[in-house]
Amino acid sequence: MKLRPLHDRVIVKRLEQETKTASGIVIPDNAAEKPDQGEVLAVGPGKRNEKGDFVALNIKVGDRVLFGKYSGQTVKVDGDELLVMREEDLFAVVEKK
């Protein structure tokens, strides 16, 4: 199944967090926090302005983004856990050096 977000919504897949610290300590699953980074899988067409025109989103497919731990609505698609959220719920795009 493929999701096509509406308006200013984006589909994000959480990136897996490291389960071992730099010093080699293993973090159990029940103690690990939810990752706050993800990859954008799909973006909606944008938000309408006062004139009724679509304003495109600043996010594109493939972007790595930061968001709050409790942001978005979780949905399961083909066994994958995805987040549906508005562009305004995203904090930043992680850019490569």
PDB file of N, CA and C in Angstrom:
ATOM      1  N   MET A   1       0.845  -1.174   0.000  1.00  0.00           N
ATOM      2  CA  MET A   1       0.000   0.000   0.000  1.00  0.00           C
ATOM      3  C   MET A   1       0.893   1.242   0.000  1.00  0.00           C
ATOM      4  N   LYS A   2       0.496   2.255  -0.726  1.00  0.00           N
ATOM      5  CA  LYS A   2       1.249   3.501  -0.809  1.00  0.00           C
ATOM      6  C   LYS A   2       0.386   4.632  -0.264  1.00  0.00           C
ATOM      7  N   LEU A   3       0.969   5.476   0.577  1.00  0.00           N
ATOM      8  CA  LEU A   3       0.250   6.614   1.134  1.00  0.00           C
ATOM      9  C   LEU A   3       0.603   7.881   0.370  1.00  0.00           C
ATOM     10  N   ARG A   4      -0.405   8.700   0.088  1.00  0.00           N
ATOM     11  CA  ARG A   4      -0.209  10.009  -0.536  1.00  0.00           C
ATOM     12  C   ARG A   4      -0.777  11.043   0.427  1.00  0.00           C
ATOM     13  N   PRO A   5       0.093  11.774   1.136  1.00  0.00           N
ATOM     14  CA  PRO A   5      -0.399  12.727   2.127  1.00  0.00           C
ATOM     15  C   PRO A   5      -1.144  13.894   1.485  1.00  0.00           C
ATOM     16  N   LEU A   6      -2.067  14.448   2.230  1.00  0.00           N
ATOM     17  CA  LEU A   6      -2.858  15.584   1.772  1.00  0.00           C
ATOM     18  C   LEU A   6      -2.341  16.876   2.397  1.00  0.00           C
ATOM     19  N   HIS A   7      -2.601  17.982   1.731  1.00  0.00           N
ATOM     20  CA  HIS A   7      -2.296  19.330   2.220  1.00  0.00           C
ATOM     21  C   HIS A   7      -0.829  19.465   2.620  1.00  0.00           C
ATOM     22  N   ASP A   8      -0.559  19.904   3.853  1.00  0.00           N
ATOM     23  CA  ASP A   8       0.823  20.148   4.287  1.00  0.00           C
ATOM     24  C   ASP A   8       1.355  19.010   5.156  1.00  0.00           C
ATOM     25  N   ARG A   9       0.835  17.821   4.933  1.00  0.00           N
ATOM     26  CA  ARG A   9       1.282  16.674   5.735  1.00  0.00           C
ATOM     27  C   ARG A   9       2.431  15.943   5.048  1.00  0.00           C
ATOM     28  N   VAL A  10       3.252  15.286   5.881  1.00  0.00           N
ATOM     29  CA  VAL A  10       4.371  14.490   5.381  1.00  0.00           C
ATOM     30  C   VAL A  10       4.331  13.116   6.039  1.00  0.00           C
ATOM     31  N   ILE A  11       4.848  12.115   5.339  1.00  0.00           N
ATOM     32  CA  ILE A  11       4.976  10.758   5.877  1.00  0.00           C
ATOM     33  C   ILE A  11       6.451  10.563   6.220  1.00  0.00           C
ATOM     34  N   VAL A  12       6.718  10.176   7.475  1.00  0.00           N
ATOM     35  CA  VAL A  12       8.090  10.042   7.964  1.00  0.00           C
ATOM     36  C   VAL A  12       8.281   8.651   8.559  1.00  0.00           C
ATOM     37  N   LYS A  13       9.421   8.046   8.255  1.00  0.00           N
ATOM     38  CA  LYS A  13       9.793   6.773   8.884  1.00  0.00           C
ATOM     39  C   LYS A  13      10.904   7.071   9.881  1.00  0.00           C
ATOM     40  N   ARG A  14      10.665   6.685  11.138  1.00  0.00           N
ATOM     41  CA  ARG A  14      11.682   6.908  12.173  1.00  0.00           C
ATOM     42  C   ARG A  14      12.967   6.177  11.812  1.00  0.00           C
ATOM     43  N   LEU A  15      14.098   6.812  12.084  1.00  0.00           N
ATOM     44  CA  LEU A  15      15.397   6.175  11.902  1.00  0.00           C
ATOM     45  C   LEU A  15      15.729   5.427  13.179  1.00  0.00           C
ATOM     46  N   GLU A  16      16.299   4.257  13.030  1.00  0.00           N
ATOM     47  CA  GLU A  16      16.651   3.447  14.195  1.00  0.00           C
ATOM     48  C   GLU A  16      17.746   4.129  14.994  1.00  0.00           C
ATOM     49  N   GLN A  17      17.594   4.069  16.302  1.00  0.00           N
ATOM     50  CA  GLN A  17      18.563   4.666  17.198  1.00  0.00           C
ATOM     51  C   GLN A  17      19.585   3.615  17.611  1.00  0.00           C
ATOM     52  N   GLU A  18      20.792   4.063  17.901  1.00  0.00           N
ATOM     53  CA  GLU A  18      21.844   3.157  18.349  1.00  0.00           C
ATOM     54  C   GLU A  18      21.427   2.477  19.645  1.00  0.00           C
ATOM     55  N   THR A  19      21.665   1.175  19.751  1.00  0.00           N
ATOM     56  CA  THR A  19      21.330   0.442  20.974  1.00  0.00           C
ATOM     57  C   THR A  19      22.561   0.211  21.840  1.00  0.00           C
ATOM     58  N   LYS A  20      23.678   0.807  21.417  1.00  0.00           N
ATOM     59  CA  LYS A  20      24.908   0.679  22.194  1.00  0.00           C
ATOM     60  C   LYS A  20      25.559   2.056  22.277  1.00  0.00           C
ATOM     61  N   THR A  21      26.019   2.438  23.464  1.00  0.00           N
ATOM     62  CA  THR A  21      26.674   3.728  23.627  1.00  0.00           C
ATOM     63  C   THR A  21      28.095   3.672  23.082  1.00  0.00           C
ATOM     64  N   ALA A  22      28.739   4.833  22.994  1.00  0.00           N
ATOM     65  CA  ALA A  22      30.111   4.903  22.487  1.00  0.00           C
ATOM     66  C   ALA A  22      31.074   4.100  23.356  1.00  0.00           C
ATOM     67  N   SER A  23      30.754   3.983  24.647  1.00  0.00           N
ATOM     68  CA  SER A  23      31.628   3.226  25.552  1.00  0.00           C
ATOM     69  C   SER A  23      31.306   1.738  25.571  1.00  0.00           C
ATOM     70  N   GLY A  24      30.318   1.310  24.774  1.00  0.00           N
ATOM     71  CA  GLY A  24      30.017  -0.114  24.652  1.00  0.00           C
ATOM     72  C   GLY A  24      28.879  -0.618  25.515  1.00  0.00           C
ATOM     73  N   ILE A  25      28.195   0.263  26.235  1.00  0.00           N
ATOM     74  CA  ILE A  25      27.068  -0.155  27.072  1.00  0.00           C
ATOM     75  C   ILE A  25      25.850  -0.385  26.185  1.00  0.00           C
ATOM     76  N   VAL A  26      25.223  -1.538  26.330  1.00  0.00           N
ATOM     77  CA  VAL A  26      24.037  -1.879  25.541  1.00  0.00           C
ATOM     78  C   VAL A  26      22.801  -1.323  26.238  1.00  0.00           C
ATOM     79  N   ILE A  27      21.970  -0.602  25.474  1.00  0.00           N
ATOM     80  CA  ILE A  27      20.739  -0.025  26.016  1.00  0.00           C
ATOM     81  C   ILE A  27      19.595  -0.975  25.698  1.00  0.00           C
ATOM     82  N   PRO A  28      18.886  -1.492  26.724  1.00  0.00           N
ATOM     83  CA  PRO A  28      17.761  -2.387  26.448  1.00  0.00           C
ATOM     84  C   PRO A  28      16.618  -1.643  25.761  1.00  0.00           C
ATOM     85  N   ASP A  29      15.823  -2.381  24.971  1.00  0.00           N
ATOM     86  CA  ASP A  29      14.717  -1.776  24.220  1.00  0.00           C
ATOM     87  C   ASP A  29      13.747  -1.010  25.104  1.00  0.00           C
ATOM     88  N   ASN A  30      13.459  -1.541  26.300  1.00  0.00           N
ATOM     89  CA  ASN A  30      12.467  -0.884  27.154  1.00  0.00           C
ATOM     90  C   ASN A  30      13.005   0.398  27.788  1.00  0.00           C
ATOM     91  N   ALA A  31      14.315   0.635  27.768  1.00  0.00           N
ATOM     92  CA  ALA A  31      14.896   1.850  28.333  1.00  0.00           C
ATOM     93  C   ALA A  31      15.205   2.890  27.260  1.00  0.00           C
ATOM     94  N   ALA A  32      15.215   2.478  26.017  1.00  0.00           N
ATOM     95  CA  ALA A  32      15.558   3.395  24.922  1.00  0.00           C
ATOM     96  C   ALA A  32      14.384   4.319  24.628  1.00  0.00           C
ATOM     97  N   GLU A  33      14.705   5.575  24.352  1.00  0.00           N
ATOM     98  CA  GLU A  33      13.672   6.542  23.979  1.00  0.00           C
ATOM     99  C   GLU A  33      13.371   6.415  22.493  1.00  0.00           C
ATOM    100  N   LYS A  34      12.184   6.910  22.103  1.00  0.00           N
ATOM    101  CA  LYS A  34      11.827   6.905  20.687  1.00  0.00           C
ATOM    102  C   LYS A  34      12.792   7.818  19.933  1.00  0.00           C
ATOM    103  N   PRO A  35      13.224   7.408  18.760  1.00  0.00           N
ATOM    104  CA  PRO A  35      14.099   8.284  17.969  1.00  0.00           C
ATOM    105  C   PRO A  35      13.356   9.556  17.573  1.00  0.00           C
ATOM    106  N   ASP A  36      14.082  10.664  17.501  1.00  0.00           N
ATOM    107  CA  ASP A  36      13.472  11.936  17.117  1.00  0.00           C
ATOM    108  C   ASP A  36      13.952  12.395  15.744  1.00  0.00           C
ATOM    109  N   GLN A  37      14.452  11.437  14.962  1.00  0.00           N
ATOM    110  CA  GLN A  37      14.860  11.712  13.591  1.00  0.00           C
ATOM    111  C   GLN A  37      14.191  10.716  12.661  1.00  0.00           C
ATOM    112  N   GLY A  38      13.960  11.147  11.434  1.00  0.00           N
ATOM    113  CA  GLY A  38      13.353  10.248  10.472  1.00  0.00           C
ATOM    114  C   GLY A  38      13.633  10.681   9.050  1.00  0.00           C
ATOM    115  N   GLU A  39      13.248   9.801   8.130  1.00  0.00           N
ATOM    116  CA  GLU A  39      13.399  10.082   6.705  1.00  0.00           C
ATOM    117  C   GLU A  39      12.024  10.335   6.114  1.00  0.00           C
ATOM    118  N   VAL A  40      11.910  11.390   5.327  1.00  0.00           N
ATOM    119  CA  VAL A  40      10.645  11.744   4.683  1.00  0.00           C
ATOM    120  C   VAL A  40      10.414  10.803   3.512  1.00  0.00           C
ATOM    121  N   LEU A  41       9.271  10.098   3.537  1.00  0.00           N
ATOM    122  CA  LEU A  41       8.929   9.156   2.472  1.00  0.00           C
ATOM    123  C   LEU A  41       7.984   9.758   1.442  1.00  0.00           C
ATOM    124  N   ALA A  42       7.139  10.713   1.874  1.00  0.00           N
ATOM    125  CA  ALA A  42       6.176  11.334   0.955  1.00  0.00           C
ATOM    126  C   ALA A  42       5.775  12.695   1.503  1.00  0.00           C
ATOM    127  N   VAL A  43       5.444  13.620   0.610  1.00  0.00           N
ATOM    128  CA  VAL A  43       4.992  14.954   1.014  1.00  0.00           C
ATOM    129  C   VAL A  43       3.705  15.302   0.279  1.00  0.00           C
ATOM    130  N   GLY A  44       2.863  16.067   0.945  1.00  0.00           N
ATOM    131  CA  GLY A  44       1.624  16.528   0.333  1.00  0.00           C
ATOM    132  C   GLY A  44       1.894  17.686  -0.625  1.00  0.00           C
ATOM    133  N   PRO A  45       0.857  18.144  -1.338  1.00  0.00           N
ATOM    134  CA  PRO A  45       1.034  19.204  -2.331  1.00  0.00           C
ATOM    135  C   PRO A  45       1.307  20.577  -1.728  1.00  0.00           C
ATOM    136  N   GLY A  46       0.971  20.772  -0.470  1.00  0.00           N
ATOM    137  CA  GLY A  46       1.201  22.064   0.178  1.00  0.00           C
ATOM    138  C   GLY A  46      -0.059  22.605   0.810  1.00  0.00           C
ATOM    139  N   LYS A  47       0.066  23.818   1.300  1.00  0.00           N
ATOM    140  CA  LYS A  47      -1.021  24.489   2.006  1.00  0.00           C
ATOM    141  C   LYS A  47      -1.558  25.611   1.122  1.00  0.00           C
ATOM    142  N   ARG A  48      -2.837  25.847   1.185  1.00  0.00           N
ATOM    143  CA  ARG A  48      -3.423  26.946   0.402  1.00  0.00           C
ATOM    144  C   ARG A  48      -3.233  28.273   1.140  1.00  0.00           C
ATOM    145  N   ASN A  49      -2.897  29.316   0.382  1.00  0.00           N
ATOM    146  CA  ASN A  49      -2.788  30.646   0.978  1.00  0.00           C
ATOM    147  C   ASN A  49      -4.134  31.363   0.901  1.00  0.00           C
ATOM    148  N   GLU A  50      -4.147  32.638   1.260  1.00  0.00           N
ATOM    149  CA  GLU A  50      -5.404  33.405   1.282  1.00  0.00           C
ATOM    150  C   GLU A  50      -6.057  33.511  -0.097  1.00  0.00           C
ATOM    151  N   LYS A  51      -5.251  33.473  -1.159  1.00  0.00           N
ATOM    152  CA  LYS A  51      -5.762  33.567  -2.530  1.00  0.00           C
ATOM    153  C   LYS A  51      -6.246  32.222  -3.062  1.00  0.00           C
ATOM    154  N   GLY A  52      -5.993  31.144  -2.310  1.00  0.00           N
ATOM    155  CA  GLY A  52      -6.407  29.821  -2.743  1.00  0.00           C
ATOM    156  C   GLY A  52      -5.346  29.053  -3.511  1.00  0.00           C
ATOM    157  N   ASP A  53      -4.165  29.664  -3.664  1.00  0.00           N
ATOM    158  CA  ASP A  53      -3.062  29.000  -4.366  1.00  0.00           C
ATOM    159  C   ASP A  53      -2.310  28.086  -3.406  1.00  0.00           C
ATOM    160  N   PHE A  54      -1.774  26.983  -3.945  1.00  0.00           N
ATOM    161  CA  PHE A  54      -0.959  26.085  -3.125  1.00  0.00           C
ATOM    162  C   PHE A  54       0.423  26.693  -2.910  1.00  0.00           C
ATOM    163  N   VAL A  55       0.890  26.637  -1.674  1.00  0.00           N
ATOM    164  CA  VAL A  55       2.252  27.024  -1.326  1.00  0.00           C
ATOM    165  C   VAL A  55       2.995  25.719  -1.058  1.00  0.00           C
ATOM    166  N   ALA A  56       4.000  25.440  -1.877  1.00  0.00           N
ATOM    167  CA  ALA A  56       4.732  24.172  -1.773  1.00  0.00           C
ATOM    168  C   ALA A  56       5.461  24.068  -0.439  1.00  0.00           C
ATOM    169  N   LEU A  57       5.685  22.827  -0.001  1.00  0.00           N
ATOM    170  CA  LEU A  57       6.388  22.579   1.252  1.00  0.00           C
ATOM    171  C   LEU A  57       7.893  22.776   1.068  1.00  0.00           C
ATOM    172  N   ASN A  58       8.587  23.058   2.175  1.00  0.00           N
ATOM    173  CA  ASN A  58      10.045  23.202   2.161  1.00  0.00           C
ATOM    174  C   ASN A  58      10.747  21.864   2.314  1.00  0.00           C
ATOM    175  N   ILE A  59       9.989  20.809   2.545  1.00  0.00           N
ATOM    176  CA  ILE A  59      10.509  19.465   2.769  1.00  0.00           C
ATOM    177  C   ILE A  59      10.358  18.671   1.474  1.00  0.00           C
ATOM    178  N   LYS A  60      11.333  17.793   1.201  1.00  0.00           N
ATOM    179  CA  LYS A  60      11.202  16.931   0.021  1.00  0.00           C
ATOM    180  C   LYS A  60      11.469  15.482   0.412  1.00  0.00           C
ATOM    181  N   VAL A  61      11.042  14.575  -0.428  1.00  0.00           N
ATOM    182  CA  VAL A  61      11.245  13.144  -0.190  1.00  0.00           C
ATOM    183  C   VAL A  61      12.742  12.872  -0.066  1.00  0.00           C
ATOM    184  N   GLY A  62      13.107  12.085   0.941  1.00  0.00           N
ATOM    185  CA  GLY A  62      14.506  11.746   1.172  1.00  0.00           C
ATOM    186  C   GLY A  62      15.180  12.602   2.225  1.00  0.00           C
ATOM    187  N   ASP A  63      14.563  13.735   2.598  1.00  0.00           N
ATOM    188  CA  ASP A  63      15.142  14.584   3.642  1.00  0.00           C
ATOM    189  C   ASP A  63      15.168  13.845   4.972  1.00  0.00           C
ATOM    190  N   ARG A  64      16.219  14.105   5.747  1.00  0.00           N
ATOM    191  CA  ARG A  64      16.309  13.587   7.114  1.00  0.00           C
ATOM    192  C   ARG A  64      15.883  14.735   8.017  1.00  0.00           C
ATOM    193  N   VAL A  65      14.874  14.511   8.851  1.00  0.00           N
ATOM    194  CA  VAL A  65      14.278  15.589   9.631  1.00  0.00           C
ATOM    195  C   VAL A  65      14.293  15.289  11.129  1.00  0.00           C
ATOM    196  N   LEU A  66      14.217  16.368  11.923  1.00  0.00           N
ATOM    197  CA  LEU A  66      14.094  16.278  13.375  1.00  0.00           C
ATOM    198  C   LEU A  66      12.675  16.652  13.763  1.00  0.00           C
ATOM    199  N   PHE A  67      12.133  15.962  14.769  1.00  0.00           N
ATOM    200  CA  PHE A  67      10.777  16.243  15.239  1.00  0.00           C
ATOM    201  C   PHE A  67      10.682  15.878  16.710  1.00  0.00           C
ATOM    202  N   GLY A  68       9.601  16.292  17.364  1.00  0.00           N
ATOM    203  CA  GLY A  68       9.391  15.987  18.774  1.00  0.00           C
ATOM    204  C   GLY A  68       9.095  14.510  18.991  1.00  0.00           C
ATOM    205  N   LYS A  69       9.411  14.030  20.173  1.00  0.00           N
ATOM    206  CA  LYS A  69       9.222  12.606  20.484  1.00  0.00           C
ATOM    207  C   LYS A  69       7.774  12.161  20.364  1.00  0.00           C
ATOM    208  N   TYR A  70       6.845  13.073  20.589  1.00  0.00           N
ATOM    209  CA  TYR A  70       5.428  12.712  20.553  1.00  0.00           C
ATOM    210  C   TYR A  70       4.701  13.353  19.374  1.00  0.00           C
ATOM    211  N   SER A  71       5.446  13.790  18.367  1.00  0.00           N
ATOM    212  CA  SER A  71       4.852  14.429  17.192  1.00  0.00           C
ATOM    213  C   SER A  71       4.218  13.403  16.268  1.00  0.00           C
ATOM    214  N   GLY A  72       3.198  13.841  15.566  1.00  0.00           N
ATOM    215  CA  GLY A  72       2.608  13.031  14.510  1.00  0.00           C
ATOM    216  C   GLY A  72       1.679  11.933  14.984  1.00  0.00           C
ATOM    217  N   GLN A  73       1.024  11.333  14.013  1.00  0.00           N
ATOM    218  CA  GLN A  73       0.107  10.217  14.232  1.00  0.00           C
ATOM    219  C   GLN A  73       0.768   8.959  13.688  1.00  0.00           C
ATOM    220  N   THR A  74       0.886   7.929  14.512  1.00  0.00           N
ATOM    221  CA  THR A  74       1.520   6.681  14.091  1.00  0.00           C
ATOM    222  C   THR A  74       0.536   5.822  13.314  1.00  0.00           C
ATOM    223  N   VAL A  75       0.980   5.310  12.160  1.00  0.00           N
ATOM    224  CA  VAL A  75       0.178   4.385  11.360  1.00  0.00           C
ATOM    225  C   VAL A  75       1.066   3.212  10.954  1.00  0.00           C
ATOM    226  N   LYS A  76       0.458   2.037  10.796  1.00  0.00           N
ATOM    227  CA  LYS A  76       1.202   0.860  10.334  1.00  0.00           C
ATOM    228  C   LYS A  76       0.816   0.590   8.889  1.00  0.00           C
ATOM    229  N   VAL A  77       1.829   0.471   8.032  1.00  0.00           N
ATOM    230  CA  VAL A  77       1.620   0.187   6.616  1.00  0.00           C
ATOM    231  C   VAL A  77       2.572  -0.935   6.227  1.00  0.00           C
ATOM    232  N   ASP A  78       2.010  -2.054   5.806  1.00  0.00           N
ATOM    233  CA  ASP A  78       2.809  -3.214   5.389  1.00  0.00           C
ATOM    234  C   ASP A  78       3.850  -3.604   6.439  1.00  0.00           C
ATOM    235  N   GLY A  79       3.470  -3.531   7.702  1.00  0.00           N
ATOM    236  CA  GLY A  79       4.360  -3.924   8.792  1.00  0.00           C
ATOM    237  C   GLY A  79       5.320  -2.841   9.247  1.00  0.00           C
ATOM    238  N   ASP A  80       5.395  -1.725   8.533  1.00  0.00           N
ATOM    239  CA  ASP A  80       6.265  -0.612   8.926  1.00  0.00           C
ATOM    240  C   ASP A  80       5.475   0.401   9.738  1.00  0.00           C
ATOM    241  N   GLU A  81       6.106   0.947  10.770  1.00  0.00           N
ATOM    242  CA  GLU A  81       5.477   1.988  11.582  1.00  0.00           C
ATOM    243  C   GLU A  81       5.910   3.342  11.024  1.00  0.00           C
ATOM    244  N   LEU A  82       4.941   4.114  10.547  1.00  0.00           N
ATOM    245  CA  LEU A  82       5.205   5.412   9.941  1.00  0.00           C
ATOM    246  C   LEU A  82       4.517   6.508  10.736  1.00  0.00           C
ATOM    247  N   LEU A  83       4.980   7.735  10.563  1.00  0.00           N
ATOM    248  CA  LEU A  83       4.372   8.893  11.203  1.00  0.00           C
ATOM    249  C   LEU A  83       3.772   9.793  10.138  1.00  0.00           C
ATOM    250  N   VAL A  84       2.564  10.289  10.390  1.00  0.00           N
ATOM    251  CA  VAL A  84       1.940  11.296   9.540  1.00  0.00           C
ATOM    252  C   VAL A  84       1.920  12.571  10.369  1.00  0.00           C
ATOM    253  N   MET A  85       2.546  13.631   9.852  1.00  0.00           N
ATOM    254  CA  MET A  85       2.590  14.885  10.603  1.00  0.00           C
ATOM    255  C   MET A  85       2.555  16.073   9.661  1.00  0.00           C
ATOM    256  N   ARG A  86       2.239  17.217  10.230  1.00  0.00           N
ATOM    257  CA  ARG A  86       2.236  18.455   9.456  1.00  0.00           C
ATOM    258  C   ARG A  86       3.663  18.987   9.345  1.00  0.00           C
ATOM    259  N   GLU A  87       3.912  19.736   8.293  1.00  0.00           N
ATOM    260  CA  GLU A  87       5.245  20.313   8.116  1.00  0.00           C
ATOM    261  C   GLU A  87       5.630  21.170   9.320  1.00  0.00           C
ATOM    262  N   GLU A  88       4.676  21.870   9.903  1.00  0.00           N
ATOM    263  CA  GLU A  88       4.983  22.751  11.041  1.00  0.00           C
ATOM    264  C   GLU A  88       5.406  21.977  12.294  1.00  0.00           C
ATOM    265  N   ASP A  89       5.165  20.657  12.337  1.00  0.00           N
ATOM    266  CA  ASP A  89       5.600  19.833  13.466  1.00  0.00           C
ATOM    267  C   ASP A  89       7.071  19.431  13.358  1.00  0.00           C
ATOM    268  N   LEU A  90       7.683  19.672  12.209  1.00  0.00           N
ATOM    269  CA  LEU A  90       9.094  19.342  12.012  1.00  0.00           C
ATOM    270  C   LEU A  90       9.946  20.503  12.505  1.00  0.00           C
ATOM    271  N   PHE A  91      11.056  20.171  13.182  1.00  0.00           N
ATOM    272  CA  PHE A  91      11.930  21.206  13.741  1.00  0.00           C
ATOM    273  C   PHE A  91      13.002  21.655  12.758  1.00  0.00           C
ATOM    274  N   ALA A  92      13.582  20.702  12.021  1.00  0.00           N
ATOM    275  CA  ALA A  92      14.713  21.029  11.161  1.00  0.00           C
ATOM    276  C   ALA A  92      14.973  19.906  10.165  1.00  0.00           C
ATOM    277  N   VAL A  93      15.724  20.250   9.117  1.00  0.00           N
ATOM    278  CA  VAL A  93      16.232  19.266   8.166  1.00  0.00           C
ATOM    279  C   VAL A  93      17.704  19.059   8.502  1.00  0.00           C
ATOM    280  N   VAL A  94      18.119  17.806   8.646  1.00  0.00           N
ATOM    281  CA  VAL A  94      19.521  17.490   8.919  1.00  0.00           C
ATOM    282  C   VAL A  94      20.250  17.497   7.582  1.00  0.00           C
ATOM    283  N   GLU A  95      21.197  18.412   7.433  1.00  0.00           N
ATOM    284  CA  GLU A  95      21.934  18.524   6.177  1.00  0.00           C
ATOM    285  C   GLU A  95      23.282  17.845   6.294  1.00  0.00           C
ATOM    286  N   LYS A  96      23.707  17.236   5.199  1.00  0.00           N
ATOM    287  CA  LYS A  96      25.016  16.580   5.158  1.00  0.00           C
ATOM    288  C   LYS A  96      26.094  17.639   5.010  1.00  0.00           C
ATOM    289  N   LYS A  97      27.256  17.357   5.557  1.00  0.00           N
ATOM    290  CA  LYS A  97      28.374  18.317   5.487  1.00  0.00           C
ATOM    291  C   LYS A  97      28.935  18.413   4.101  1.00  0.00           C
TER     292      LYS A  97
END
